[in-house]
Amino acid sequence: MKLENHLKMFRFKHGEITQQDLANAVGVTRLTIHSIETGKFAPSTLLALKIAKYFGMKVEDIFYLSDNDDEIGG
């Protein structure tokens, strides 16, 4: 399984918030937000909660698990 997200969609739905604006609001770098959006980095529980709170959403509305067919023995 792989952690996926709708973070970019939520940024644009909420006034086209930039990665930098979101990063500033939750206390991380813009690169961290970019890495989360592209699936290169899985946020900590604390960071996922901060992001969800920023958008007024539940964590599972933004982050979700998807099946990964390449996974062996999964």
N, C-alpha and C. Protein backbone atom coordinates (compact mmCIF):
# COMPACT_ATOMS: atom_id res chain seq x y z
N MET A 1 0.84 -1.18 0.00
CA MET A 1 0.00 0.00 0.00
C MET A 1 0.88 1.25 0.00
N LYS A 2 0.32 2.30 -0.54
CA LYS A 2 1.06 3.56 -0.65
C LYS A 2 0.20 4.70 -0.14
N LEU A 3 0.83 5.64 0.56
CA LEU A 3 0.11 6.82 1.03
C LEU A 3 0.02 7.83 -0.12
N GLU A 4 -1.20 8.21 -0.47
CA GLU A 4 -1.44 9.20 -1.53
C GLU A 4 -2.15 10.39 -0.89
N ASN A 5 -2.31 11.46 -1.66
CA ASN A 5 -2.97 12.63 -1.09
C ASN A 5 -3.63 13.49 -2.16
N HIS A 6 -4.52 14.34 -1.66
CA HIS A 6 -5.22 15.32 -2.49
C HIS A 6 -4.76 16.73 -2.10
N LEU A 7 -3.54 16.84 -1.62
CA LEU A 7 -3.06 18.11 -1.07
C LEU A 7 -3.08 19.24 -2.10
N LYS A 8 -2.59 18.98 -3.28
CA LYS A 8 -2.56 20.02 -4.31
C LYS A 8 -3.97 20.50 -4.63
N MET A 9 -4.91 19.56 -4.74
CA MET A 9 -6.30 19.91 -5.02
C MET A 9 -6.86 20.82 -3.91
N PHE A 10 -6.58 20.47 -2.66
CA PHE A 10 -7.08 21.28 -1.55
C PHE A 10 -6.46 22.67 -1.56
N ARG A 11 -5.18 22.78 -1.91
CA ARG A 11 -4.56 24.10 -1.99
C ARG A 11 -5.29 24.99 -3.01
N PHE A 12 -5.61 24.41 -4.16
CA PHE A 12 -6.27 25.20 -5.20
C PHE A 12 -7.74 25.47 -4.89
N LYS A 13 -8.40 24.53 -4.22
CA LYS A 13 -9.80 24.75 -3.83
C LYS A 13 -9.94 25.82 -2.77
N HIS A 14 -8.88 26.07 -2.02
CA HIS A 14 -8.92 27.04 -0.93
C HIS A 14 -8.14 28.30 -1.31
N GLY A 15 -8.47 28.86 -2.45
CA GLY A 15 -7.91 30.14 -2.85
C GLY A 15 -6.55 30.08 -3.48
N GLU A 16 -6.22 28.94 -4.08
CA GLU A 16 -4.92 28.77 -4.75
C GLU A 16 -3.76 29.11 -3.82
N ILE A 17 -3.81 28.53 -2.63
CA ILE A 17 -2.75 28.71 -1.64
C ILE A 17 -1.45 28.15 -2.20
N THR A 18 -0.37 28.89 -2.07
CA THR A 18 0.91 28.40 -2.57
C THR A 18 1.49 27.36 -1.62
N GLN A 19 2.42 26.60 -2.13
CA GLN A 19 3.13 25.64 -1.28
C GLN A 19 3.82 26.39 -0.14
N GLN A 20 4.38 27.55 -0.43
CA GLN A 20 5.08 28.33 0.59
C GLN A 20 4.12 28.81 1.67
N ASP A 21 2.94 29.27 1.28
CA ASP A 21 1.95 29.73 2.26
C ASP A 21 1.54 28.59 3.19
N LEU A 22 1.29 27.43 2.61
CA LEU A 22 0.92 26.27 3.43
C LEU A 22 2.08 25.87 4.33
N ALA A 23 3.27 25.84 3.78
CA ALA A 23 4.46 25.49 4.57
C ALA A 23 4.61 26.42 5.76
N ASN A 24 4.47 27.72 5.53
CA ASN A 24 4.57 28.69 6.62
C ASN A 24 3.51 28.44 7.69
N ALA A 25 2.31 28.12 7.25
CA ALA A 25 1.19 27.92 8.18
C ALA A 25 1.37 26.70 9.07
N VAL A 26 2.02 25.66 8.55
CA VAL A 26 2.17 24.42 9.33
C VAL A 26 3.58 24.21 9.86
N GLY A 27 4.48 25.14 9.58
CA GLY A 27 5.81 25.10 10.18
C GLY A 27 6.82 24.18 9.52
N VAL A 28 6.74 24.05 8.19
CA VAL A 28 7.72 23.25 7.45
C VAL A 28 8.24 24.07 6.27
N THR A 29 9.11 23.46 5.46
CA THR A 29 9.62 24.15 4.28
C THR A 29 8.72 23.89 3.08
N ARG A 30 8.86 24.73 2.08
CA ARG A 30 8.11 24.55 0.83
C ARG A 30 8.47 23.22 0.20
N LEU A 31 9.73 22.83 0.30
CA LEU A 31 10.17 21.56 -0.26
C LEU A 31 9.46 20.38 0.40
N THR A 32 9.20 20.48 1.68
CA THR A 32 8.46 19.42 2.38
C THR A 32 7.06 19.27 1.79
N ILE A 33 6.37 20.39 1.58
CA ILE A 33 5.03 20.35 0.99
C ILE A 33 5.10 19.75 -0.41
N HIS A 34 6.06 20.19 -1.20
CA HIS A 34 6.23 19.65 -2.55
C HIS A 34 6.48 18.14 -2.50
N SER A 35 7.33 17.70 -1.59
CA SER A 35 7.66 16.27 -1.48
C SER A 35 6.46 15.44 -1.05
N ILE A 36 5.61 16.00 -0.20
CA ILE A 36 4.38 15.31 0.19
C ILE A 36 3.45 15.20 -1.01
N GLU A 37 3.26 16.29 -1.72
CA GLU A 37 2.36 16.30 -2.88
C GLU A 37 2.78 15.30 -3.95
N THR A 38 4.07 15.15 -4.15
CA THR A 38 4.56 14.25 -5.20
C THR A 38 4.75 12.82 -4.71
N GLY A 39 4.46 12.56 -3.44
CA GLY A 39 4.56 11.21 -2.91
C GLY A 39 5.96 10.77 -2.55
N LYS A 40 6.89 11.70 -2.51
CA LYS A 40 8.27 11.36 -2.16
C LYS A 40 8.50 11.33 -0.66
N PHE A 41 7.55 11.89 0.10
CA PHE A 41 7.69 11.99 1.54
C PHE A 41 6.33 11.77 2.18
N ALA A 42 6.28 10.91 3.18
CA ALA A 42 5.06 10.68 3.94
C ALA A 42 5.13 11.54 5.21
N PRO A 43 4.15 12.40 5.42
CA PRO A 43 4.21 13.28 6.59
C PRO A 43 4.03 12.51 7.88
N SER A 44 4.57 13.07 8.94
CA SER A 44 4.33 12.51 10.27
C SER A 44 2.84 12.67 10.59
N THR A 45 2.41 11.96 11.60
CA THR A 45 1.02 12.10 12.04
C THR A 45 0.74 13.54 12.45
N LEU A 46 1.67 14.14 13.17
CA LEU A 46 1.50 15.52 13.62
C LEU A 46 1.36 16.47 12.43
N LEU A 47 2.21 16.32 11.43
CA LEU A 47 2.14 17.20 10.27
C LEU A 47 0.85 16.97 9.48
N ALA A 48 0.45 15.73 9.31
CA ALA A 48 -0.80 15.43 8.61
C ALA A 48 -1.99 16.06 9.34
N LEU A 49 -1.97 16.01 10.66
CA LEU A 49 -3.04 16.63 11.45
C LEU A 49 -3.03 18.15 11.31
N LYS A 50 -1.84 18.75 11.30
CA LYS A 50 -1.74 20.20 11.13
C LYS A 50 -2.27 20.63 9.76
N ILE A 51 -1.94 19.87 8.73
CA ILE A 51 -2.40 20.19 7.38
C ILE A 51 -3.92 20.08 7.31
N ALA A 52 -4.46 18.99 7.86
CA ALA A 52 -5.91 18.80 7.86
C ALA A 52 -6.61 19.92 8.62
N LYS A 53 -6.07 20.29 9.77
CA LYS A 53 -6.66 21.36 10.57
C LYS A 53 -6.62 22.69 9.80
N TYR A 54 -5.54 22.95 9.10
CA TYR A 54 -5.41 24.17 8.30
C TYR A 54 -6.56 24.29 7.30
N PHE A 55 -6.91 23.17 6.67
CA PHE A 55 -7.98 23.17 5.68
C PHE A 55 -9.36 22.94 6.28
N GLY A 56 -9.42 22.67 7.59
CA GLY A 56 -10.70 22.40 8.24
C GLY A 56 -11.29 21.07 7.81
N MET A 57 -10.41 20.11 7.55
CA MET A 57 -10.83 18.80 7.06
C MET A 57 -10.32 17.70 7.99
N LYS A 58 -10.79 16.48 7.74
CA LYS A 58 -10.25 15.31 8.42
C LYS A 58 -9.02 14.84 7.66
N VAL A 59 -8.09 14.23 8.37
CA VAL A 59 -6.86 13.73 7.74
C VAL A 59 -7.20 12.81 6.57
N GLU A 60 -8.19 11.94 6.76
CA GLU A 60 -8.51 10.96 5.71
C GLU A 60 -9.19 11.58 4.49
N ASP A 61 -9.60 12.86 4.59
CA ASP A 61 -10.11 13.56 3.41
C ASP A 61 -8.97 14.01 2.51
N ILE A 62 -7.79 14.18 3.08
CA ILE A 62 -6.62 14.65 2.33
C ILE A 62 -5.67 13.51 2.00
N PHE A 63 -5.45 12.62 2.96
CA PHE A 63 -4.51 11.51 2.78
C PHE A 63 -5.26 10.18 2.74
N TYR A 64 -4.82 9.28 1.87
CA TYR A 64 -5.49 7.99 1.74
C TYR A 64 -4.49 6.93 1.28
N LEU A 65 -4.83 5.68 1.53
CA LEU A 65 -4.00 4.56 1.11
C LEU A 65 -4.50 4.03 -0.22
N SER A 66 -3.56 3.72 -1.11
CA SER A 66 -3.92 3.08 -2.37
C SER A 66 -3.15 1.78 -2.49
N ASP A 67 -3.74 0.83 -3.18
CA ASP A 67 -3.06 -0.43 -3.42
C ASP A 67 -1.91 -0.22 -4.36
N ASN A 68 -0.80 -0.88 -4.08
CA ASN A 68 0.38 -0.81 -4.94
C ASN A 68 0.61 -2.19 -5.51
N ASP A 69 0.33 -2.38 -6.80
CA ASP A 69 0.46 -3.69 -7.43
C ASP A 69 1.88 -4.21 -7.46
N ASP A 70 2.86 -3.31 -7.29
CA ASP A 70 4.27 -3.71 -7.34
C ASP A 70 4.76 -4.31 -6.03
N GLU A 71 3.94 -4.20 -5.00
CA GLU A 71 4.35 -4.68 -3.68
C GLU A 71 4.37 -6.20 -3.65
N ILE A 72 5.43 -6.76 -3.14
CA ILE A 72 5.58 -8.23 -3.08
C ILE A 72 5.09 -8.71 -1.70
N GLY A 73 4.27 -9.73 -1.73
CA GLY A 73 3.80 -10.33 -0.49
C GLY A 73 2.79 -9.48 0.25
N GLY A 74 2.22 -8.49 -0.41
CA GLY A 74 1.27 -7.60 0.24
C GLY A 74 -0.07 -8.14 0.15
